[in-house]
Amino acid sequence: MAEVLFTHFHFMSIFTKIIKGEIPSYKIAEDELFFAFLDIHPLKEGHTLVIPKLEVDKIFDLPQDHLSRMLVFAQPIAKAIEKAFRCNRCGISVIGLEVPHAHMHLVPINSSNDLNFTQSKLKLSEEKLIEVQKKILQYL
């Protein structure tokens, strides 16, 4: 099971529970520092979350080595998303208001509006989420 490093939080974020396997997820990638999984309420098919295993609320509060390595970890995932879905590119967004655990969104986009988090999210079935997961994994 993944080791999770804790900071000053008195509770585990939902993301830490996902890392620990207490909440199921559609995992895309994992290493010793990071975990990537499908957003179950995506803006677009292929919308993936990349999170550090270190439980820190704000992304810029991460140690510098984690911050830079997070982008390096995300790079092959972003390239796989671009190959798996018809899009101009894989967009990246860091908002961080929904869950008090640093995270970035990787979303296949064709316009800047595709990263508009105020728009309705997709409601995908479990079967569709598994299909999306397999599509990305085939290019990793």
C-alpha atoms as a PDB file:
ATOM      1  CA  MET A   1       0.000   0.000   0.000  1.00  0.00           C
ATOM      2  CA  ALA A   2       1.204   3.515  -0.698  1.00  0.00           C
ATOM      3  CA  GLU A   3       2.906   5.345   2.127  1.00  0.00           C
ATOM      4  CA  VAL A   4       1.307   8.682   2.829  1.00  0.00           C
ATOM      5  CA  LEU A   5       3.219  11.491   4.488  1.00  0.00           C
ATOM      6  CA  PHE A   6       1.189  13.703   6.788  1.00  0.00           C
ATOM      7  CA  THR A   7       1.609  17.342   7.697  1.00  0.00           C
ATOM      8  CA  HIS A   8      -0.363  19.477  10.129  1.00  0.00           C
ATOM      9  CA  PHE A   9      -3.783  18.162   9.083  1.00  0.00           C
ATOM     10  CA  HIS A  10      -5.895  16.514  11.755  1.00  0.00           C
ATOM     11  CA  PHE A  11      -7.924  14.567   9.217  1.00  0.00           C
ATOM     12  CA  MET A  12      -7.193  12.712   6.036  1.00  0.00           C
ATOM     13  CA  SER A  13      -8.317  14.396   2.852  1.00  0.00           C
ATOM     14  CA  ILE A  14     -10.433  12.387   0.441  1.00  0.00           C
ATOM     15  CA  PHE A  15      -7.323  12.261  -1.778  1.00  0.00           C
ATOM     16  CA  THR A  16      -5.253  10.645   0.981  1.00  0.00           C
ATOM     17  CA  LYS A  17      -8.005   8.047   1.385  1.00  0.00           C
ATOM     18  CA  ILE A  18      -7.788   7.404  -2.378  1.00  0.00           C
ATOM     19  CA  ILE A  19      -3.979   7.026  -2.193  1.00  0.00           C
ATOM     20  CA  LYS A  20      -4.344   4.564   0.695  1.00  0.00           C
ATOM     21  CA  GLY A  21      -6.958   2.573  -1.234  1.00  0.00           C
ATOM     22  CA  GLU A  22      -9.724   3.300   1.299  1.00  0.00           C
ATOM     23  CA  ILE A  23     -11.758   4.900  -1.499  1.00  0.00           C
ATOM     24  CA  PRO A  24     -11.617   3.247  -4.936  1.00  0.00           C
ATOM     25  CA  SER A  25     -10.282   5.182  -7.901  1.00  0.00           C
ATOM     26  CA  TYR A  26      -9.468   4.773 -11.575  1.00  0.00           C
ATOM     27  CA  LYS A  27      -5.693   4.901 -11.193  1.00  0.00           C
ATOM     28  CA  ILE A  28      -3.607   6.170 -14.087  1.00  0.00           C
ATOM     29  CA  ALA A  29      -0.110   6.270 -12.544  1.00  0.00           C
ATOM     30  CA  GLU A  30       1.747   6.192  -9.246  1.00  0.00           C
ATOM     31  CA  ASP A  31       5.275   6.528  -7.959  1.00  0.00           C
ATOM     32  CA  GLU A  32       6.804   7.098  -4.520  1.00  0.00           C
ATOM     33  CA  LEU A  33       5.728  10.770  -4.414  1.00  0.00           C
ATOM     34  CA  PHE A  34       2.630  11.115  -6.622  1.00  0.00           C
ATOM     35  CA  PHE A  35      -0.654   9.509  -7.601  1.00  0.00           C
ATOM     36  CA  ALA A  36      -2.793  10.177 -10.697  1.00  0.00           C
ATOM     37  CA  PHE A  37      -6.378   9.080 -11.194  1.00  0.00           C
ATOM     38  CA  LEU A  38      -9.454   9.966 -13.225  1.00  0.00           C
ATOM     39  CA  ASP A  39     -11.707  12.745 -11.998  1.00  0.00           C
ATOM     40  CA  ILE A  40     -15.089  11.028 -11.525  1.00  0.00           C
ATOM     41  CA  HIS A  41     -16.849  14.336 -12.267  1.00  0.00           C
ATOM     42  CA  PRO A  42     -14.793  15.349 -15.316  1.00  0.00           C
ATOM     43  CA  LEU A  43     -14.972  18.420 -17.506  1.00  0.00           C
ATOM     44  CA  LYS A  44     -14.005  16.205 -20.476  1.00  0.00           C
ATOM     45  CA  GLU A  45     -13.359  12.492 -20.931  1.00  0.00           C
ATOM     46  CA  GLY A  46      -9.755  11.912 -19.876  1.00  0.00           C
ATOM     47  CA  HIS A  47      -9.778  14.561 -17.097  1.00  0.00           C
ATOM     48  CA  THR A  48      -7.125  13.311 -14.687  1.00  0.00           C
ATOM     49  CA  LEU A  49      -6.042  14.526 -11.252  1.00  0.00           C
ATOM     50  CA  VAL A  50      -2.378  14.478 -10.217  1.00  0.00           C
ATOM     51  CA  ILE A  51      -1.764  14.683  -6.482  1.00  0.00           C
ATOM     52  CA  PRO A  52       1.272  14.518  -4.223  1.00  0.00           C
ATOM     53  CA  LYS A  53       1.261  11.827  -1.557  1.00  0.00           C
ATOM     54  CA  LEU A  54       2.446  14.526   0.819  1.00  0.00           C
ATOM     55  CA  GLU A  55      -0.767  15.951   2.260  1.00  0.00           C
ATOM     56  CA  VAL A  56      -0.382  19.694   1.763  1.00  0.00           C
ATOM     57  CA  ASP A  57      -3.318  22.035   1.140  1.00  0.00           C
ATOM     58  CA  LYS A  58      -1.789  24.552  -1.286  1.00  0.00           C
ATOM     59  CA  ILE A  59       0.360  23.498  -4.225  1.00  0.00           C
ATOM     60  CA  PHE A  60       2.923  26.252  -3.648  1.00  0.00           C
ATOM     61  CA  ASP A  61       3.414  25.032  -0.065  1.00  0.00           C
ATOM     62  CA  LEU A  62       4.948  21.821  -1.425  1.00  0.00           C
ATOM     63  CA  PRO A  63       8.710  21.464  -1.016  1.00  0.00           C
ATOM     64  CA  GLN A  64      10.500  22.734  -4.150  1.00  0.00           C
ATOM     65  CA  ASP A  65      11.695  19.286  -5.229  1.00  0.00           C
ATOM     66  CA  HIS A  66       8.107  17.957  -5.039  1.00  0.00           C
ATOM     67  CA  LEU A  67       6.767  20.906  -7.003  1.00  0.00           C
ATOM     68  CA  SER A  68       9.164  20.429  -9.910  1.00  0.00           C
ATOM     69  CA  ARG A  69       8.912  16.626  -9.863  1.00  0.00           C
ATOM     70  CA  MET A  70       5.103  16.868  -9.961  1.00  0.00           C
ATOM     71  CA  LEU A  71       5.268  18.368 -13.465  1.00  0.00           C
ATOM     72  CA  VAL A  72       7.785  15.740 -14.577  1.00  0.00           C
ATOM     73  CA  PHE A  73       5.467  13.010 -13.207  1.00  0.00           C
ATOM     74  CA  ALA A  74       2.506  14.559 -15.059  1.00  0.00           C
ATOM     75  CA  GLN A  75       4.292  14.896 -18.417  1.00  0.00           C
ATOM     76  CA  PRO A  76       3.863  11.327 -19.748  1.00  0.00           C
ATOM     77  CA  ILE A  77       0.259  11.288 -18.495  1.00  0.00           C
ATOM     78  CA  ALA A  78      -0.485  14.524 -20.376  1.00  0.00           C
ATOM     79  CA  LYS A  79       1.090  13.092 -23.543  1.00  0.00           C
ATOM     80  CA  ALA A  80      -0.994   9.911 -23.166  1.00  0.00           C
ATOM     81  CA  ILE A  81      -4.173  11.993 -22.744  1.00  0.00           C
ATOM     82  CA  GLU A  82      -3.317  13.901 -25.945  1.00  0.00           C
ATOM     83  CA  LYS A  83      -2.927  10.616 -27.838  1.00  0.00           C
ATOM     84  CA  ALA A  84      -6.047   9.001 -26.331  1.00  0.00           C
ATOM     85  CA  PHE A  85      -8.514  11.847 -26.989  1.00  0.00           C
ATOM     86  CA  ARG A  86      -9.163  14.199 -29.900  1.00  0.00           C
ATOM     87  CA  CYS A  87      -7.841  17.481 -28.588  1.00  0.00           C
ATOM     88  CA  ASN A  88      -5.519  20.362 -29.369  1.00  0.00           C
ATOM     89  CA  ARG A  89      -3.519  19.723 -26.220  1.00  0.00           C
ATOM     90  CA  CYS A  90      -3.674  18.624 -22.623  1.00  0.00           C
ATOM     91  CA  GLY A  91      -4.467  21.667 -20.511  1.00  0.00           C
ATOM     92  CA  ILE A  92      -3.366  22.033 -16.923  1.00  0.00           C
ATOM     93  CA  SER A  93      -5.183  23.825 -14.151  1.00  0.00           C
ATOM     94  CA  VAL A  94      -4.466  24.315 -10.478  1.00  0.00           C
ATOM     95  CA  ILE A  95      -7.387  25.715  -8.542  1.00  0.00           C
ATOM     96  CA  GLY A  96      -7.276  23.831  -5.268  1.00  0.00           C
ATOM     97  CA  LEU A  97     -10.507  25.040  -3.717  1.00  0.00           C
ATOM     98  CA  GLU A  98     -12.518  21.807  -3.851  1.00  0.00           C
ATOM     99  CA  VAL A  99     -10.265  19.552  -1.753  1.00  0.00           C
ATOM    100  CA  PRO A 100      -7.706  20.731   0.840  1.00  0.00           C
ATOM    101  CA  HIS A 101      -4.940  18.649  -0.772  1.00  0.00           C
ATOM    102  CA  ALA A 102      -2.673  20.065  -3.501  1.00  0.00           C
ATOM    103  CA  HIS A 103      -3.637  18.814  -6.954  1.00  0.00           C
ATOM    104  CA  MET A 104      -3.505  19.617 -10.625  1.00  0.00           C
ATOM    105  CA  HIS A 105      -6.061  18.876 -13.297  1.00  0.00           C
ATOM    106  CA  LEU A 106      -4.964  17.493 -16.671  1.00  0.00           C
ATOM    107  CA  VAL A 107      -7.764  17.990 -19.194  1.00  0.00           C
ATOM    108  CA  PRO A 108      -7.870  17.360 -22.950  1.00  0.00           C
ATOM    109  CA  ILE A 109      -8.806  20.748 -24.432  1.00  0.00           C
ATOM    110  CA  ASN A 110      -9.597  22.379 -27.751  1.00  0.00           C
ATOM    111  CA  SER A 111     -10.283  25.858 -26.353  1.00  0.00           C
ATOM    112  CA  SER A 112      -9.677  27.758 -23.131  1.00  0.00           C
ATOM    113  CA  ASN A 113     -13.359  27.338 -22.278  1.00  0.00           C
ATOM    114  CA  ASP A 114     -12.719  23.591 -21.905  1.00  0.00           C
ATOM    115  CA  LEU A 115     -10.946  24.504 -18.637  1.00  0.00           C
ATOM    116  CA  ASN A 116     -13.925  26.470 -17.316  1.00  0.00           C
ATOM    117  CA  PHE A 117     -14.712  24.787 -13.999  1.00  0.00           C
ATOM    118  CA  THR A 118     -18.063  26.568 -13.674  1.00  0.00           C
ATOM    119  CA  GLN A 119     -19.519  24.531 -16.550  1.00  0.00           C
ATOM    120  CA  SER A 120     -21.483  21.330 -15.945  1.00  0.00           C
ATOM    121  CA  LYS A 121     -19.404  18.252 -15.316  1.00  0.00           C
ATOM    122  CA  LEU A 122     -19.906  15.016 -17.250  1.00  0.00           C
ATOM    123  CA  LYS A 123     -21.740  12.133 -15.605  1.00  0.00           C
ATOM    124  CA  LEU A 124     -19.923   9.011 -16.773  1.00  0.00           C
ATOM    125  CA  SER A 125     -20.920   5.439 -15.955  1.00  0.00           C
ATOM    126  CA  GLU A 126     -18.441   3.099 -14.287  1.00  0.00           C
ATOM    127  CA  GLU A 127     -18.094   1.280 -17.617  1.00  0.00           C
ATOM    128  CA  LYS A 128     -17.262   4.551 -19.402  1.00  0.00           C
ATOM    129  CA  LEU A 129     -14.711   5.525 -16.715  1.00  0.00           C
ATOM    130  CA  ILE A 130     -13.007   2.130 -17.112  1.00  0.00           C
ATOM    131  CA  GLU A 131     -12.949   2.653 -20.901  1.00  0.00           C
ATOM    132  CA  VAL A 132     -11.395   6.127 -20.461  1.00  0.00           C
ATOM    133  CA  GLN A 133      -8.823   4.715 -18.007  1.00  0.00           C
ATOM    134  CA  LYS A 134      -7.830   1.967 -20.480  1.00  0.00           C
ATOM    135  CA  LYS A 135      -7.560   4.503 -23.322  1.00  0.00           C
ATOM    136  CA  ILE A 136      -5.036   6.571 -21.355  1.00  0.00           C
ATOM    137  CA  LEU A 137      -3.137   3.564 -19.993  1.00  0.00           C
ATOM    138  CA  GLN A 138      -2.551   2.156 -23.491  1.00  0.00           C
ATOM    139  CA  TYR A 139      -0.389   5.210 -24.253  1.00  0.00           C
ATOM    140  CA  LEU A 140       1.585   5.228 -20.981  1.00  0.00           C
END
